[in-house]
Each structure stands twice: as structure tokens, then as C-alpha cells.
Amino acid sequence: MAFTTWITFVIAACIIAVSPGSGAVLSMSHGLSYGVKRTSATILGLQLGLLLVLAIAGAGVGSLLLASEVAFSVVKTIGALYLIWLGISQWRAKVAAGQGIQAAQAALPSFRKRFMTGFLTNATNPKGIIFMVAVLPQFINQHAPVLPQLAILAATMFVIDLVVMHGYAFLASSMQRFFRESSAIKAQNRVFGGLLMFIGGALFFVKRGAAEA
């Protein structure tokens, strides 16, 4: 892979990673509630989900999903419903009187639950498949072995998104001092829950043609 091609991909990956989406919302939500260190499990799950989507696109399965209206609709619906369910769960999360951010940290979900939440958020995101299928081929030399090139692109995207999501979590965690009262925690849950539901609802309007534009 040419160095200029790789640098161009780095720029594209940075723009995509920084753009607000379900991963960024989840990273900020968990960063605010649990702190950066504990949010690392969530972010690791996000990265594994991202790598799965990249592998699917690289194997050509993504193209098959985009070619089939039914298959794409199934993936899109699953992803949208999952984000909406996640948003509703956060919106309705109970906060007892007098609880603050310390109580939220004490009620920390298990590592596995945080990891799976992150993993499913990215793995069921049809927009990720569209991006990979539409963009990846432009950075791959068809006259050279494909697998090493995919490995380089995957490692690059993994590192970039890992850093960016930790940055979002850090920014959110720096606001913890403003969320010591139960009313503030409840407002936080509704803001992030609402954002997740909004993003999930928006997925229903994602079209296969977006990958062909």
C-alpha cells in the first residue's frame, strides 16, 4: 500500500471517527457515568464491532447485503431497534433521591455487559457497512494481495477510533462534578437516551443507494 494512499485513509478515518454518531454518544454517556477507565470496556466493544463490520465488507458480504433489499432491511431494522431499545433503557433508568455520579459508578454494569453494549452498537449499524463497502475499495490496490491491505486499514481505523472515543469519554468525564445530584443524573440519562433513540430512528431512513452515491 502506497504511503499517500494510507495517509488519505487516515484523514478519512479521522473525519468519520470524530463525526458524532451512536459510538460517540455511547462513549460520552458511559464516560460521564462511569469515568474514562471503566468506559474502556465499552470502547473496546465498539472497536471489535467496527472490525467485524470491516471484515464483513472486506469479505464481500457487505456488498451482498447492499444488493439484497430484504437482507439490508433486516440488518437496518435490527440496528435501529437495538439503538432505540438502548435509548429507552437509559431514558427510563431509575435514579433514587439523593443519588449522584458516585451512585452511578457504584451500580457499574459488568465488564461483559459494557463490552457487549459497545460491540452490538457498532456491529448492528448499517451505516458502518455502507461506509466500508463504499469507501474501502478506493484504498485497496486490486493488483496486490488484499488481505495485508485490509489488515493495515483495520489496524489504522482501530487505533484512530480507539483514541477518538476515549477523547469523547474523557471530555464527558471532566463534567462529572456537575452531575452530583439525582436531578442532574436523570437529565443526563434523558439527553443521551434521547440521542440514542434519535440515531436509531434515523437508521430507518438509511437507503442502499447511499452506498452508490
Protein backbone atom coordinates (compact mmCIF):
# COMPACT_ATOMS: atom_id res chain seq x y z
CA MET A 1 0.00 0.00 0.00
CA ALA A 2 1.38 3.40 -1.02
CA PHE A 3 2.11 5.86 1.79
CA THR A 4 -0.04 8.55 0.17
CA THR A 5 -2.97 6.14 -0.01
CA TRP A 6 -2.58 5.31 3.68
CA ILE A 7 -2.38 8.99 4.68
CA THR A 8 -5.54 9.71 2.70
CA PHE A 9 -7.29 6.86 4.53
CA VAL A 10 -6.05 8.22 7.89
CA ILE A 11 -7.66 11.58 7.12
CA ALA A 12 -10.93 9.94 6.05
CA ALA A 13 -10.95 7.69 9.12
CA CYS A 14 -10.32 10.67 11.44
CA ILE A 15 -13.23 12.59 9.94
CA ILE A 16 -15.56 9.60 10.28
CA ALA A 17 -14.43 8.88 13.85
CA VAL A 18 -14.87 12.48 15.01
CA SER A 19 -18.30 12.79 13.37
CA PRO A 20 -20.98 12.38 16.09
CA GLY A 21 -22.75 9.04 15.96
CA SER A 22 -24.03 6.26 18.19
CA GLY A 23 -20.49 5.28 19.24
CA ALA A 24 -19.64 8.82 20.29
CA VAL A 25 -22.92 9.19 22.19
CA LEU A 26 -22.34 5.88 24.00
CA SER A 27 -18.74 6.79 24.85
CA MET A 28 -19.80 10.14 26.30
CA SER A 29 -22.70 8.61 28.21
CA HIS A 30 -20.55 5.92 29.83
CA GLY A 31 -17.65 8.34 30.33
CA LEU A 32 -19.91 10.68 32.27
CA SER A 33 -21.49 7.89 34.31
CA TYR A 34 -18.50 5.60 34.94
CA GLY A 35 -15.31 7.53 34.16
CA VAL A 36 -12.75 7.02 31.38
CA LYS A 37 -11.05 3.91 32.76
CA ARG A 38 -14.29 1.95 33.15
CA THR A 39 -15.56 3.15 29.78
CA SER A 40 -12.59 1.44 28.12
CA ALA A 41 -14.58 -1.82 28.15
CA THR A 42 -17.38 -0.13 26.20
CA ILE A 43 -14.91 1.40 23.75
CA LEU A 44 -13.13 -1.92 23.24
CA GLY A 45 -16.51 -3.42 22.33
CA LEU A 46 -17.10 -0.58 19.88
CA GLN A 47 -13.77 -1.33 18.18
CA LEU A 48 -14.45 -5.06 17.89
CA GLY A 49 -17.83 -4.25 16.36
CA LEU A 50 -16.09 -1.88 13.95
CA LEU A 51 -13.57 -4.56 12.97
CA LEU A 52 -16.40 -7.04 12.39
CA VAL A 53 -18.11 -4.62 10.02
CA LEU A 54 -14.78 -4.05 8.23
CA ALA A 55 -14.25 -7.81 7.91
CA ILE A 56 -17.79 -8.26 6.55
CA ALA A 57 -17.23 -5.55 3.97
CA GLY A 58 -13.78 -6.88 3.11
CA ALA A 59 -15.14 -10.38 2.59
CA GLY A 60 -17.74 -9.10 0.15
CA VAL A 61 -20.68 -9.90 2.42
CA GLY A 62 -21.38 -6.19 2.78
CA SER A 63 -21.85 -5.91 -0.98
CA LEU A 64 -24.30 -8.81 -0.87
CA LEU A 65 -26.27 -7.09 1.89
CA LEU A 66 -26.44 -3.91 -0.14
CA ALA A 67 -27.50 -5.87 -3.22
CA SER A 68 -30.41 -7.52 -1.38
CA GLU A 69 -33.23 -5.23 -0.26
CA VAL A 70 -34.51 -7.82 2.21
CA ALA A 71 -31.11 -8.57 3.79
CA PHE A 72 -30.27 -4.90 4.10
CA SER A 73 -33.67 -4.10 5.59
CA VAL A 74 -33.22 -6.84 8.20
CA VAL A 75 -29.78 -5.54 9.24
CA LYS A 76 -31.05 -1.95 9.27
CA THR A 77 -34.09 -2.81 11.38
CA ILE A 78 -32.06 -4.80 13.92
CA GLY A 79 -29.56 -1.97 14.29
CA ALA A 80 -32.24 0.70 14.60
CA LEU A 81 -34.30 -1.26 17.15
CA TYR A 82 -31.23 -2.02 19.23
CA LEU A 83 -30.27 1.66 19.50
CA ILE A 84 -33.86 2.64 20.27
CA TRP A 85 -34.04 -0.05 22.98
CA LEU A 86 -30.72 1.18 24.40
CA GLY A 87 -32.03 4.75 24.41
CA ILE A 88 -35.30 3.80 26.09
CA SER A 89 -33.42 1.82 28.75
CA GLN A 90 -31.24 4.81 29.55
CA TRP A 91 -34.17 7.25 29.45
CA ARG A 92 -36.12 5.12 31.94
CA ALA A 93 -33.15 4.29 34.21
CA LYS A 94 -34.23 4.85 37.81
CA VAL A 95 -32.29 7.32 39.94
CA ALA A 96 -33.12 7.28 43.63
CA ALA A 97 -33.41 10.53 45.56
CA GLY A 98 -30.04 11.82 46.70
CA GLN A 99 -28.08 9.70 44.22
CA GLY A 100 -25.32 11.27 42.21
CA ILE A 101 -22.47 10.27 39.94
CA GLN A 102 -20.88 8.19 42.72
CA ALA A 103 -24.04 6.08 42.93
CA ALA A 104 -24.00 5.58 39.17
CA GLN A 105 -20.42 4.35 39.38
CA ALA A 106 -21.33 2.03 42.25
CA ALA A 107 -24.06 0.49 40.06
CA LEU A 108 -21.47 -0.20 37.36
CA PRO A 109 -22.55 -2.88 34.84
CA SER A 110 -20.18 -5.81 34.45
CA PHE A 111 -17.22 -5.63 32.05
CA ARG A 112 -19.01 -8.10 29.78
CA LYS A 113 -22.19 -6.03 29.66
CA ARG A 114 -20.31 -2.81 28.88
CA PHE A 115 -18.27 -4.62 26.22
CA MET A 116 -21.33 -6.20 24.56
CA THR A 117 -23.20 -2.88 24.60
CA GLY A 118 -20.35 -1.30 22.66
CA PHE A 119 -19.92 -4.28 20.35
CA LEU A 120 -23.59 -4.51 19.39
CA THR A 121 -23.83 -0.74 18.88
CA ASN A 122 -21.29 -0.85 16.06
CA ALA A 123 -21.86 -4.39 14.80
CA THR A 124 -25.55 -3.72 14.07
CA ASN A 125 -25.01 -0.33 12.46
CA PRO A 126 -25.90 -0.50 8.72
CA LYS A 127 -24.31 2.91 8.13
CA GLY A 128 -20.98 1.32 9.05
CA ILE A 129 -21.48 -1.35 6.40
CA ILE A 130 -22.41 1.29 3.82
CA PHE A 131 -19.29 3.31 4.65
CA MET A 132 -17.00 0.29 4.47
CA VAL A 133 -18.45 -1.02 1.20
CA ALA A 134 -18.43 2.41 -0.44
CA VAL A 135 -15.06 3.65 0.81
CA LEU A 136 -12.76 0.66 1.37
CA PRO A 137 -12.38 -0.35 -2.31
CA GLN A 138 -11.00 3.10 -3.10
CA PHE A 139 -8.00 2.43 -0.85
CA ILE A 140 -7.26 -1.12 -1.98
CA ASN A 141 -4.98 -1.98 -4.86
CA GLN A 142 -6.67 -4.87 -6.65
CA HIS A 143 -3.34 -5.88 -8.22
CA ALA A 144 -1.75 -6.52 -4.81
CA PRO A 145 -2.64 -9.04 -2.06
CA VAL A 146 -5.89 -7.79 -0.49
CA LEU A 147 -5.56 -9.32 2.99
CA PRO A 148 -2.42 -7.37 4.05
CA GLN A 149 -4.04 -4.15 2.85
CA LEU A 150 -7.22 -4.88 4.83
CA ALA A 151 -5.11 -5.61 7.90
CA ILE A 152 -3.36 -2.23 7.59
CA LEU A 153 -6.64 -0.37 7.12
CA ALA A 154 -8.26 -2.26 10.01
CA ALA A 155 -5.37 -1.53 12.39
CA THR A 156 -5.38 2.13 11.35
CA MET A 157 -9.12 2.53 11.90
CA PHE A 158 -8.94 0.63 15.20
CA VAL A 159 -6.27 2.94 16.64
CA ILE A 160 -7.90 6.15 15.38
CA ASP A 161 -11.38 5.28 16.65
CA LEU A 162 -9.95 4.00 19.94
CA VAL A 163 -8.25 7.34 20.57
CA VAL A 164 -11.23 9.44 19.46
CA MET A 165 -13.76 7.50 21.57
CA HIS A 166 -11.51 7.79 24.63
CA GLY A 167 -11.32 11.51 23.88
CA TYR A 168 -15.12 11.73 23.93
CA ALA A 169 -15.21 9.73 27.19
CA PHE A 170 -12.56 11.99 28.74
CA LEU A 171 -14.42 15.17 27.80
CA ALA A 172 -17.63 13.77 29.29
CA SER A 173 -15.91 12.54 32.47
CA SER A 174 -14.48 16.01 33.05
CA MET A 175 -18.08 17.17 33.54
CA GLN A 176 -18.77 14.73 36.38
CA ARG A 177 -18.58 17.45 39.03
CA PHE A 178 -21.74 18.97 37.58
CA PHE A 179 -23.67 15.70 37.93
CA ARG A 180 -23.65 15.01 41.64
CA GLU A 181 -27.40 15.36 42.19
CA SER A 182 -30.09 12.89 41.19
CA SER A 183 -31.88 15.51 39.07
CA ALA A 184 -28.72 16.07 37.01
CA ILE A 185 -28.21 12.32 36.55
CA LYS A 186 -31.83 11.98 35.40
CA ALA A 187 -31.38 14.83 32.91
CA GLN A 188 -28.19 13.22 31.63
CA ASN A 189 -29.95 9.88 31.13
CA ARG A 190 -32.72 11.55 29.16
CA VAL A 191 -30.37 13.57 26.97
CA PHE A 192 -28.21 10.60 26.00
CA GLY A 193 -31.19 8.25 25.87
CA GLY A 194 -32.98 10.67 23.57
CA LEU A 195 -29.93 10.97 21.32
CA LEU A 196 -29.62 7.18 21.01
CA MET A 197 -33.32 6.89 20.17
CA PHE A 198 -32.97 9.67 17.59
CA ILE A 199 -29.98 7.99 15.93
CA GLY A 200 -31.82 4.66 15.97
CA GLY A 201 -34.88 6.23 14.39
CA ALA A 202 -32.72 7.90 11.73
CA LEU A 203 -31.35 4.50 10.70
CA PHE A 204 -34.79 3.58 9.35
CA PHE A 205 -34.26 6.22 6.66
CA VAL A 206 -30.85 4.87 5.53
CA LYS A 207 -31.10 3.73 1.90
CA ARG A 208 -29.00 1.24 -0.02
CA GLY A 209 -28.44 3.91 -2.66
CA ALA A 210 -26.34 5.87 -0.15
CA ALA A 211 -23.51 3.46 -0.85
CA GLU A 212 -23.77 4.02 -4.56
CA ALA A 213 -23.74 7.82 -4.42
